């Protein structure tokens, strides 16, 4: 029952965020009313405050993805871009309603920074890259992470994003294309 109630609460928050995309927080009363449960039930058995709900969404949305990322082995899995396309895009797609809402509303203004922080650390540990242009390895990891997040955001923000099997090729092409190739003079 607790898992179903958690899902009701998260679903209520997602619904409220979509109805009010400019709002960055909601009261527990609003969330409870949307979920059809009492505010006290949320406090007593589930979450202490709005921030706890956002933290839970981070963990729930990201935990499985990060676990798969942590199984990455370059000698078995190939390059990290293809690994992400093959193994991570499908997981993001499964959670597309929540992820879309986090990207398209203000319900979690720290969402992108949370992703950058989490995955820049992974890039630092798992990706080999060249240091150029007076950038240190943290700078390069930040750039790589930000670009990947941006490509995913553009895809998953759509009302009906194409399935990951179809987006895979585009994601890999975008990741391997120079910024100069996007500009026509």
N, C-alpha and C. Protein backbone atom coordinates (compact mmCIF):
# COMPACT_ATOMS: atom_id res chain seq x y z
N UNK A 1 0.82 -1.21 0.00
CA UNK A 1 0.00 0.00 0.00
C UNK A 1 0.86 1.26 0.00
N UNK A 2 1.97 1.24 0.76
CA UNK A 2 2.82 2.44 0.83
C UNK A 2 3.36 2.81 -0.54
N UNK A 3 3.76 1.81 -1.34
CA UNK A 3 4.28 2.07 -2.67
C UNK A 3 3.20 2.71 -3.55
N UNK A 4 1.98 2.19 -3.47
CA UNK A 4 0.88 2.76 -4.25
C UNK A 4 0.57 4.18 -3.80
N UNK A 5 0.64 4.43 -2.51
CA UNK A 5 0.39 5.78 -2.00
C UNK A 5 1.51 6.72 -2.44
N UNK A 6 2.75 6.23 -2.41
CA UNK A 6 3.86 7.04 -2.92
C UNK A 6 3.60 7.41 -4.38
N UNK A 7 3.16 6.45 -5.16
CA UNK A 7 2.87 6.70 -6.57
C UNK A 7 1.73 7.70 -6.73
N UNK A 8 0.72 7.60 -5.88
CA UNK A 8 -0.38 8.58 -5.90
C UNK A 8 0.14 9.99 -5.62
N UNK A 9 0.99 10.10 -4.63
CA UNK A 9 1.55 11.40 -4.23
C UNK A 9 2.40 11.97 -5.36
N UNK A 10 3.27 11.15 -5.92
CA UNK A 10 4.13 11.61 -7.03
C UNK A 10 3.26 11.97 -8.23
N UNK A 11 2.29 11.14 -8.53
CA UNK A 11 1.36 11.44 -9.64
C UNK A 11 0.63 12.74 -9.43
N UNK A 12 0.21 13.00 -8.19
CA UNK A 12 -0.47 14.25 -7.87
C UNK A 12 0.45 15.44 -8.08
N UNK A 13 1.68 15.31 -7.63
CA UNK A 13 2.64 16.41 -7.81
C UNK A 13 2.90 16.66 -9.30
N UNK A 14 3.05 15.60 -10.07
CA UNK A 14 3.28 15.74 -11.52
C UNK A 14 2.08 16.43 -12.17
N UNK A 15 0.87 16.04 -11.79
CA UNK A 15 -0.35 16.65 -12.33
C UNK A 15 -0.39 18.13 -11.98
N UNK A 16 -0.12 18.46 -10.72
CA UNK A 16 -0.12 19.87 -10.30
C UNK A 16 0.94 20.68 -11.06
N UNK A 17 2.12 20.08 -11.22
CA UNK A 17 3.20 20.78 -11.93
C UNK A 17 2.82 21.05 -13.38
N UNK A 18 2.18 20.09 -14.03
CA UNK A 18 1.77 20.28 -15.42
C UNK A 18 0.68 21.34 -15.54
N UNK A 19 -0.21 21.38 -14.54
CA UNK A 19 -1.27 22.40 -14.55
C UNK A 19 -0.72 23.78 -14.23
N UNK A 20 0.37 23.84 -13.48
CA UNK A 20 0.95 25.10 -13.01
C UNK A 20 2.46 25.09 -13.28
N UNK A 21 2.88 25.11 -14.54
CA UNK A 21 4.29 24.91 -14.87
C UNK A 21 5.26 25.97 -14.33
N UNK A 22 4.76 27.12 -13.97
CA UNK A 22 5.65 28.17 -13.45
C UNK A 22 5.89 28.08 -11.95
N UNK A 23 5.12 27.26 -11.28
CA UNK A 23 5.27 27.15 -9.82
C UNK A 23 6.42 26.22 -9.47
N UNK A 24 7.16 26.62 -8.44
CA UNK A 24 8.31 25.82 -8.01
C UNK A 24 8.06 25.07 -6.71
N UNK A 25 6.88 25.19 -6.15
CA UNK A 25 6.54 24.39 -4.98
C UNK A 25 5.03 24.33 -4.82
N UNK A 26 4.62 23.34 -4.08
CA UNK A 26 3.20 23.14 -3.80
C UNK A 26 3.06 22.77 -2.33
N UNK A 27 1.93 23.11 -1.76
CA UNK A 27 1.70 22.77 -0.36
C UNK A 27 1.31 21.30 -0.26
N UNK A 28 1.51 20.75 0.92
CA UNK A 28 1.11 19.37 1.15
C UNK A 28 -0.41 19.24 1.05
N UNK A 29 -1.11 20.30 1.37
CA UNK A 29 -2.58 20.29 1.26
C UNK A 29 -2.99 20.15 -0.20
N UNK A 30 -2.33 20.90 -1.09
CA UNK A 30 -2.63 20.81 -2.52
C UNK A 30 -2.32 19.41 -3.06
N UNK A 31 -1.18 18.89 -2.67
CA UNK A 31 -0.76 17.57 -3.14
C UNK A 31 -1.72 16.49 -2.64
N UNK A 32 -2.08 16.57 -1.36
CA UNK A 32 -3.01 15.60 -0.77
C UNK A 32 -4.37 15.64 -1.47
N UNK A 33 -4.86 16.85 -1.72
CA UNK A 33 -6.16 16.99 -2.38
C UNK A 33 -6.11 16.39 -3.79
N UNK A 34 -5.06 16.65 -4.52
CA UNK A 34 -4.92 16.10 -5.87
C UNK A 34 -4.80 14.58 -5.83
N UNK A 35 -4.13 14.05 -4.80
CA UNK A 35 -3.95 12.60 -4.67
C UNK A 35 -5.18 11.90 -4.12
N UNK A 36 -6.08 12.69 -3.52
CA UNK A 36 -7.28 12.09 -2.93
C UNK A 36 -7.01 11.39 -1.61
N UNK A 37 -6.01 11.87 -0.90
CA UNK A 37 -5.69 11.33 0.42
C UNK A 37 -5.58 12.48 1.41
N UNK A 38 -5.51 12.17 2.68
CA UNK A 38 -5.41 13.23 3.68
C UNK A 38 -3.96 13.73 3.78
N UNK A 39 -3.85 14.99 4.12
CA UNK A 39 -2.54 15.58 4.34
C UNK A 39 -1.80 14.85 5.46
N UNK A 40 -2.55 14.47 6.48
CA UNK A 40 -1.95 13.77 7.61
C UNK A 40 -1.35 12.42 7.18
N UNK A 41 -2.01 11.76 6.24
CA UNK A 41 -1.49 10.48 5.74
C UNK A 41 -0.13 10.67 5.08
N UNK A 42 0.02 11.77 4.38
CA UNK A 42 1.31 12.06 3.74
C UNK A 42 2.37 12.27 4.82
N UNK A 43 2.05 13.11 5.80
CA UNK A 43 3.01 13.42 6.86
C UNK A 43 3.34 12.20 7.72
N UNK A 44 2.34 11.44 8.08
CA UNK A 44 2.55 10.33 9.02
C UNK A 44 3.31 9.16 8.42
N UNK A 45 3.07 8.87 7.16
CA UNK A 45 3.63 7.64 6.60
C UNK A 45 4.55 7.82 5.41
N UNK A 46 4.65 9.04 4.87
CA UNK A 46 5.35 9.14 3.60
C UNK A 46 6.40 10.25 3.54
N UNK A 47 6.00 11.49 3.58
CA UNK A 47 6.93 12.60 3.38
C UNK A 47 6.70 13.68 4.43
N UNK A 48 7.78 14.31 4.85
CA UNK A 48 7.68 15.39 5.84
C UNK A 48 7.36 16.74 5.21
N UNK A 49 7.76 16.90 3.94
CA UNK A 49 7.56 18.19 3.29
C UNK A 49 7.73 18.04 1.78
N UNK A 50 7.50 19.13 1.08
CA UNK A 50 7.62 19.15 -0.38
C UNK A 50 9.02 18.73 -0.83
N UNK A 51 10.05 19.20 -0.14
CA UNK A 51 11.43 18.89 -0.50
C UNK A 51 11.70 17.39 -0.42
N UNK A 52 11.09 16.71 0.55
CA UNK A 52 11.23 15.25 0.65
C UNK A 52 10.65 14.56 -0.58
N UNK A 53 9.56 15.09 -1.10
CA UNK A 53 8.95 14.50 -2.29
C UNK A 53 9.89 14.66 -3.48
N UNK A 54 10.46 15.86 -3.64
CA UNK A 54 11.41 16.10 -4.74
C UNK A 54 12.62 15.18 -4.60
N UNK A 55 13.13 15.04 -3.41
CA UNK A 55 14.28 14.15 -3.18
C UNK A 55 13.93 12.71 -3.54
N UNK A 56 12.74 12.29 -3.17
CA UNK A 56 12.27 10.94 -3.50
C UNK A 56 12.19 10.77 -5.02
N UNK A 57 11.68 11.79 -5.71
CA UNK A 57 11.60 11.73 -7.18
C UNK A 57 13.00 11.59 -7.76
N UNK A 58 13.96 12.35 -7.25
CA UNK A 58 15.35 12.22 -7.72
C UNK A 58 15.82 10.78 -7.55
N UNK A 59 15.64 10.26 -6.36
CA UNK A 59 16.12 8.90 -6.07
C UNK A 59 15.39 7.86 -6.92
N UNK A 60 14.08 7.96 -6.96
CA UNK A 60 13.26 6.98 -7.68
C UNK A 60 13.51 7.03 -9.19
N UNK A 61 13.62 8.22 -9.73
CA UNK A 61 13.82 8.39 -11.16
C UNK A 61 15.22 8.01 -11.57
N UNK A 62 16.16 8.26 -10.70
CA UNK A 62 17.55 8.16 -11.06
C UNK A 62 18.24 6.89 -10.58
N UNK A 63 17.71 6.24 -9.55
CA UNK A 63 18.42 5.11 -8.94
C UNK A 63 18.72 3.99 -9.92
N UNK A 64 17.73 3.53 -10.63
CA UNK A 64 17.94 2.42 -11.57
C UNK A 64 18.89 2.83 -12.69
N UNK A 65 18.73 4.04 -13.17
CA UNK A 65 19.61 4.56 -14.22
C UNK A 65 21.05 4.58 -13.74
N UNK A 66 21.26 5.11 -12.54
CA UNK A 66 22.62 5.21 -12.03
C UNK A 66 23.20 3.82 -11.76
N UNK A 67 22.38 2.89 -11.32
CA UNK A 67 22.86 1.52 -11.12
C UNK A 67 23.34 0.91 -12.43
N UNK A 68 22.62 1.15 -13.51
CA UNK A 68 23.04 0.63 -14.82
C UNK A 68 24.33 1.33 -15.26
N UNK A 69 24.40 2.64 -15.07
CA UNK A 69 25.63 3.37 -15.40
C UNK A 69 26.82 2.77 -14.66
N UNK A 70 26.62 2.42 -13.40
CA UNK A 70 27.73 1.91 -12.59
C UNK A 70 28.17 0.51 -13.00
N UNK A 71 27.41 -0.16 -13.86
CA UNK A 71 27.81 -1.47 -14.38
C UNK A 71 28.61 -1.34 -15.67
N UNK A 72 28.76 -0.11 -16.15
CA UNK A 72 29.47 0.13 -17.40
C UNK A 72 30.92 -0.33 -17.29
N UNK A 73 31.34 -1.09 -18.29
CA UNK A 73 32.72 -1.56 -18.39
C UNK A 73 33.17 -1.34 -19.83
N UNK A 74 34.10 -0.41 -20.07
CA UNK A 74 34.49 -0.08 -21.45
C UNK A 74 34.91 -1.30 -22.28
N UNK A 75 35.61 -2.25 -21.67
CA UNK A 75 36.07 -3.41 -22.46
C UNK A 75 34.91 -4.31 -22.89
N UNK A 76 33.81 -4.31 -22.13
CA UNK A 76 32.64 -5.12 -22.50
C UNK A 76 31.57 -4.33 -23.22
N UNK A 77 31.41 -3.06 -22.83
CA UNK A 77 30.25 -2.27 -23.27
C UNK A 77 30.56 -1.27 -24.37
N UNK A 78 31.82 -1.14 -24.75
CA UNK A 78 32.17 -0.21 -25.82
C UNK A 78 32.20 1.23 -25.37
N UNK A 79 32.01 2.12 -26.31
CA UNK A 79 32.11 3.54 -25.98
C UNK A 79 30.92 3.99 -25.12
N UNK A 80 31.13 5.00 -24.28
CA UNK A 80 30.08 5.43 -23.35
C UNK A 80 28.85 6.02 -24.04
N UNK A 81 29.02 6.63 -25.21
CA UNK A 81 27.87 7.20 -25.93
C UNK A 81 26.92 6.10 -26.39
N UNK A 82 27.47 5.05 -26.98
CA UNK A 82 26.63 3.93 -27.42
C UNK A 82 26.01 3.21 -26.23
N UNK A 83 26.77 3.08 -25.15
CA UNK A 83 26.25 2.46 -23.94
C UNK A 83 25.04 3.25 -23.43
N UNK A 84 25.18 4.56 -23.37
CA UNK A 84 24.08 5.42 -22.92
C UNK A 84 22.87 5.24 -23.84
N UNK A 85 23.13 5.25 -25.14
CA UNK A 85 22.03 5.11 -26.12
C UNK A 85 21.33 3.77 -25.99
N UNK A 86 22.10 2.71 -25.78
CA UNK A 86 21.52 1.37 -25.73
C UNK A 86 20.88 1.02 -24.39
N UNK A 87 21.44 1.51 -23.30
CA UNK A 87 21.01 1.05 -21.98
C UNK A 87 20.28 2.10 -21.14
N UNK A 88 20.61 3.37 -21.34
CA UNK A 88 20.05 4.42 -20.48
C UNK A 88 18.83 5.09 -21.12
N UNK A 89 18.87 5.34 -22.42
CA UNK A 89 17.71 5.96 -23.06
C UNK A 89 16.42 5.18 -22.84
N UNK A 90 16.43 3.84 -22.92
CA UNK A 90 15.19 3.11 -22.62
C UNK A 90 14.69 3.32 -21.19
N UNK A 91 15.60 3.44 -20.24
CA UNK A 91 15.19 3.66 -18.85
C UNK A 91 14.59 5.05 -18.66
N UNK A 92 15.17 6.03 -19.34
CA UNK A 92 14.62 7.40 -19.29
C UNK A 92 13.22 7.40 -19.92
N UNK A 93 13.08 6.71 -21.02
CA UNK A 93 11.80 6.64 -21.71
C UNK A 93 10.73 6.02 -20.81
N UNK A 94 11.09 5.01 -20.05
CA UNK A 94 10.13 4.39 -19.11
C UNK A 94 9.59 5.41 -18.11
N UNK A 95 10.43 6.35 -17.72
CA UNK A 95 10.06 7.37 -16.73
C UNK A 95 9.74 8.70 -17.40
N UNK A 96 9.39 8.66 -18.67
CA UNK A 96 9.26 9.88 -19.47
C UNK A 96 8.28 10.90 -18.92
N UNK A 97 7.18 10.46 -18.32
CA UNK A 97 6.22 11.44 -17.82
C UNK A 97 6.82 12.28 -16.70
N UNK A 98 7.49 11.64 -15.78
CA UNK A 98 8.12 12.37 -14.67
C UNK A 98 9.28 13.21 -15.19
N UNK A 99 10.15 12.61 -16.00
CA UNK A 99 11.32 13.33 -16.51
C UNK A 99 10.89 14.52 -17.37
N UNK A 100 9.89 14.31 -18.22
CA UNK A 100 9.36 15.41 -19.03
C UNK A 100 8.90 16.55 -18.13
N UNK A 101 8.18 16.23 -17.09
CA UNK A 101 7.67 17.26 -16.18
C UNK A 101 8.80 18.01 -15.48
N UNK A 102 9.84 17.29 -15.10
CA UNK A 102 10.98 17.94 -14.44
C UNK A 102 11.68 18.90 -15.39
N UNK A 103 11.70 18.57 -16.68
CA UNK A 103 12.32 19.44 -17.67
C UNK A 103 11.42 20.60 -18.10
N UNK A 104 10.11 20.40 -18.12
CA UNK A 104 9.22 21.39 -18.73
C UNK A 104 8.50 22.29 -17.72
N UNK A 105 8.70 22.05 -16.44
CA UNK A 105 8.07 22.88 -15.42
C UNK A 105 9.13 23.38 -14.45
N UNK A 106 8.70 24.22 -13.53
CA UNK A 106 9.61 24.74 -12.51
C UNK A 106 9.49 23.98 -11.19
N UNK A 107 8.81 22.82 -11.19
CA UNK A 107 8.57 22.09 -9.95
C UNK A 107 9.89 21.73 -9.26
N UNK A 108 10.94 21.54 -10.03
CA UNK A 108 12.25 21.24 -9.46
C UNK A 108 13.31 22.06 -10.20
N UNK A 109 13.50 23.31 -9.79
CA UNK A 109 14.44 24.17 -10.51
C UNK A 109 15.89 23.66 -10.46
N UNK A 110 16.18 22.73 -9.58
CA UNK A 110 17.54 22.20 -9.45
C UNK A 110 17.75 20.90 -10.21
N UNK A 111 16.76 20.44 -10.98
CA UNK A 111 16.83 19.16 -11.68
C UNK A 111 18.08 19.03 -12.54
N UNK A 112 18.33 20.00 -13.42
CA UNK A 112 19.48 19.89 -14.32
C UNK A 112 20.79 19.92 -13.55
N UNK A 113 20.86 20.73 -12.52
CA UNK A 113 22.08 20.78 -11.71
C UNK A 113 22.29 19.46 -10.98
N UNK A 114 21.20 18.86 -10.51
CA UNK A 114 21.28 17.54 -9.89
C UNK A 114 21.86 16.53 -10.88
N UNK A 115 21.35 16.53 -12.11
CA UNK A 115 21.86 15.61 -13.13
C UNK A 115 23.32 15.88 -13.46
N UNK A 116 23.66 17.16 -13.64
CA UNK A 116 25.05 17.52 -13.96
C UNK A 116 26.00 17.04 -12.87
N UNK A 117 25.64 17.30 -11.63
CA UNK A 117 26.50 16.90 -10.52
C UNK A 117 26.66 15.39 -10.45
N UNK A 118 25.56 14.69 -10.55
CA UNK A 118 25.58 13.23 -10.45
C UNK A 118 26.38 12.60 -11.59
N UNK A 119 26.11 13.02 -12.81
CA UNK A 119 26.71 12.36 -13.96
C UNK A 119 28.07 12.92 -14.35
N UNK A 120 28.39 14.14 -13.96
CA UNK A 120 29.76 14.63 -14.17
C UNK A 120 30.74 13.79 -13.37
N UNK A 121 30.35 13.40 -12.16
CA UNK A 121 31.21 12.53 -11.36
C UNK A 121 31.41 11.19 -12.06
N UNK A 122 30.35 10.65 -12.63
CA UNK A 122 30.47 9.38 -13.35
C UNK A 122 31.40 9.53 -14.55
N UNK A 123 31.24 10.62 -15.30
CA UNK A 123 32.09 10.87 -16.48
C UNK A 123 33.56 10.96 -16.05
N UNK A 124 33.81 11.67 -14.95
CA UNK A 124 35.19 11.79 -14.46
C UNK A 124 35.83 10.43 -14.19
N UNK A 125 35.06 9.50 -13.67
CA UNK A 125 35.58 8.19 -13.30
C UNK A 125 35.62 7.20 -14.47
N UNK A 126 34.78 7.39 -15.48
CA UNK A 126 34.58 6.33 -16.47
C UNK A 126 34.88 6.69 -17.92
N UNK A 127 35.17 7.93 -18.20
CA UNK A 127 35.36 8.34 -19.59
C UNK A 127 36.78 8.89 -19.75
N UNK A 128 37.44 8.42 -20.80
CA UNK A 128 38.76 8.95 -21.14
C UNK A 128 38.56 10.06 -22.17
N UNK A 129 39.26 11.16 -22.01
CA UNK A 129 39.11 12.28 -22.92
C UNK A 129 40.41 13.06 -22.99
N UNK A 130 40.50 13.88 -24.01
CA UNK A 130 41.69 14.70 -24.20
C UNK A 130 41.50 16.05 -23.51
N UNK A 131 42.55 16.49 -22.84
CA UNK A 131 42.50 17.81 -22.23
C UNK A 131 43.05 18.82 -23.23
N UNK A 132 42.19 19.74 -23.63
CA UNK A 132 42.56 20.77 -24.60
C UNK A 132 41.98 22.11 -24.17
N UNK A 133 42.46 23.15 -24.77
CA UNK A 133 41.88 24.48 -24.65
C UNK A 133 41.88 25.01 -23.21
N UNK A 134 42.87 24.66 -22.46
CA UNK A 134 42.99 25.10 -21.06
C UNK A 134 41.83 24.68 -20.18
N UNK A 135 41.16 23.59 -20.53
CA UNK A 135 40.12 23.03 -19.69
C UNK A 135 40.71 21.88 -18.88
N UNK A 136 40.34 21.82 -17.60
CA UNK A 136 40.78 20.68 -16.80
C UNK A 136 39.77 19.55 -16.96
N UNK A 137 40.05 18.40 -16.34
CA UNK A 137 39.17 17.24 -16.54
C UNK A 137 37.76 17.48 -15.99
N UNK A 138 37.62 18.27 -14.92
CA UNK A 138 36.29 18.58 -14.39
C UNK A 138 35.50 19.41 -15.39
N UNK A 139 36.17 20.36 -16.06
CA UNK A 139 35.51 21.17 -17.08
C UNK A 139 35.02 20.30 -18.24
N UNK A 140 35.87 19.40 -18.70
CA UNK A 140 35.51 18.53 -19.82
C UNK A 140 34.34 17.62 -19.42
N UNK A 141 34.40 17.07 -18.21
CA UNK A 141 33.30 16.22 -17.73
C UNK A 141 32.00 17.00 -17.68
N UNK A 142 32.06 18.25 -17.24
CA UNK A 142 30.87 19.11 -17.18
C UNK A 142 30.32 19.35 -18.58
N UNK A 143 31.19 19.62 -19.54
CA UNK A 143 30.76 19.86 -20.92
C UNK A 143 30.11 18.61 -21.51
N UNK A 144 30.76 17.47 -21.35
CA UNK A 144 30.22 16.21 -21.89
C UNK A 144 28.86 15.92 -21.28
N UNK A 145 28.77 16.06 -19.97
CA UNK A 145 27.52 15.79 -19.26
C UNK A 145 26.42 16.75 -19.70
N UNK A 146 26.74 18.02 -19.78
CA UNK A 146 25.75 19.03 -20.16
C UNK A 146 25.24 18.78 -21.58
N UNK A 147 26.12 18.41 -22.49
CA UNK A 147 25.69 18.14 -23.86
C UNK A 147 24.76 16.93 -23.90
N UNK A 148 25.12 15.86 -23.21
CA UNK A 148 24.27 14.66 -23.20
C UNK A 148 22.91 14.97 -22.59
N UNK A 149 22.92 15.71 -21.48
CA UNK A 149 21.66 16.09 -20.83
C UNK A 149 20.81 16.93 -21.79
N UNK A 150 21.44 17.84 -22.51
CA UNK A 150 20.70 18.69 -23.45
C UNK A 150 20.07 17.88 -24.57
N UNK A 151 20.79 16.92 -25.13
CA UNK A 151 20.23 16.09 -26.19
C UNK A 151 19.04 15.29 -25.67
N UNK A 152 19.19 14.74 -24.48
CA UNK A 152 18.10 13.97 -23.87
C UNK A 152 16.91 14.88 -23.58
N UNK A 153 17.18 16.07 -23.08
CA UNK A 153 16.10 17.01 -22.78
C UNK A 153 15.29 17.35 -24.02
N UNK A 154 15.95 17.65 -25.12
CA UNK A 154 15.25 18.00 -26.35
C UNK A 154 14.34 16.85 -26.79
N UNK A 155 14.82 15.64 -26.63
CA UNK A 155 14.03 14.45 -27.00
C UNK A 155 12.85 14.24 -26.04
N UNK A 156 13.10 14.22 -24.75
CA UNK A 156 12.09 13.80 -23.78
C UNK A 156 11.08 14.90 -23.47
N UNK A 157 11.38 16.15 -23.81
CA UNK A 157 10.44 17.26 -23.60
C UNK A 157 9.25 17.21 -24.54
N UNK A 158 9.38 16.49 -25.63
CA UNK A 158 8.29 16.42 -26.60
C UNK A 158 7.06 15.77 -25.97
N UNK A 159 5.88 16.17 -26.44
CA UNK A 159 4.65 15.59 -25.93
C UNK A 159 4.61 14.08 -26.11
N UNK A 160 5.11 13.62 -27.23
CA UNK A 160 5.13 12.20 -27.51
C UNK A 160 6.51 11.85 -28.09
N UNK A 161 7.52 11.71 -27.22
CA UNK A 161 8.87 11.45 -27.74
C UNK A 161 8.93 10.10 -28.47
N UNK A 162 9.74 10.08 -29.51
CA UNK A 162 9.89 8.82 -30.25
C UNK A 162 10.52 7.78 -29.32
N UNK A 163 10.27 6.52 -29.57
CA UNK A 163 10.87 5.47 -28.72
C UNK A 163 12.40 5.53 -28.77
N UNK A 164 13.04 5.05 -27.72
CA UNK A 164 14.50 5.15 -27.64
C UNK A 164 15.23 4.41 -28.76
N UNK A 165 14.63 3.35 -29.28
CA UNK A 165 15.26 2.62 -30.38
C UNK A 165 15.40 3.52 -31.60
N UNK A 166 14.42 4.41 -31.80
CA UNK A 166 14.47 5.35 -32.93
C UNK A 166 15.36 6.54 -32.62
N UNK A 167 15.36 6.99 -31.37
CA UNK A 167 16.17 8.15 -30.99
C UNK A 167 17.65 7.81 -30.88
N UNK A 168 17.96 6.54 -30.71
CA UNK A 168 19.34 6.08 -30.52
C UNK A 168 20.28 6.65 -31.58
N UNK A 169 19.93 6.47 -32.85
CA UNK A 169 20.79 6.91 -33.95
C UNK A 169 20.99 8.43 -33.89
N UNK A 170 19.92 9.16 -33.66
CA UNK A 170 20.00 10.62 -33.57
C UNK A 170 20.89 11.03 -32.40
N UNK A 171 20.71 10.39 -31.27
CA UNK A 171 21.52 10.71 -30.09
C UNK A 171 23.01 10.50 -30.38
N UNK A 172 23.34 9.38 -30.99
CA UNK A 172 24.75 9.10 -31.29
C UNK A 172 25.28 10.11 -32.30
N UNK A 173 24.48 10.44 -33.33
CA UNK A 173 24.92 11.43 -34.32
C UNK A 173 25.14 12.80 -33.65
N UNK A 174 24.19 13.22 -32.83
CA UNK A 174 24.32 14.51 -32.13
C UNK A 174 25.58 14.53 -31.27
N UNK A 175 25.84 13.43 -30.60
CA UNK A 175 26.98 13.35 -29.68
C UNK A 175 28.31 13.38 -30.42
N UNK A 176 28.31 12.94 -31.65
CA UNK A 176 29.56 12.86 -32.41
C UNK A 176 29.71 13.97 -33.43
N UNK A 177 28.79 14.93 -33.42
CA UNK A 177 28.82 16.03 -34.38
C UNK A 177 29.44 17.27 -33.75
N UNK A 178 30.28 17.92 -34.49
CA UNK A 178 30.88 19.17 -34.04
C UNK A 178 29.84 20.27 -34.02
N UNK A 179 29.96 21.20 -33.10
CA UNK A 179 29.03 22.33 -33.06
C UNK A 179 29.05 23.12 -34.37
N UNK A 180 30.18 23.15 -35.02
CA UNK A 180 30.29 23.87 -36.31
C UNK A 180 29.36 23.27 -37.37
N UNK A 181 29.10 21.98 -37.26
CA UNK A 181 28.25 21.32 -38.24
C UNK A 181 26.77 21.70 -38.10
N UNK A 182 26.41 22.30 -36.98
CA UNK A 182 25.02 22.75 -36.78
C UNK A 182 24.76 24.10 -37.43
N UNK A 183 25.80 24.81 -37.73
CA UNK A 183 25.69 26.20 -38.19
C UNK A 183 25.89 26.26 -39.70
N UNK A 184 24.97 26.91 -40.36
CA UNK A 184 25.07 27.09 -41.80
C UNK A 184 25.35 28.58 -42.04
N UNK A 185 26.37 28.85 -42.85
CA UNK A 185 26.69 30.27 -43.10
C UNK A 185 26.15 30.73 -44.43
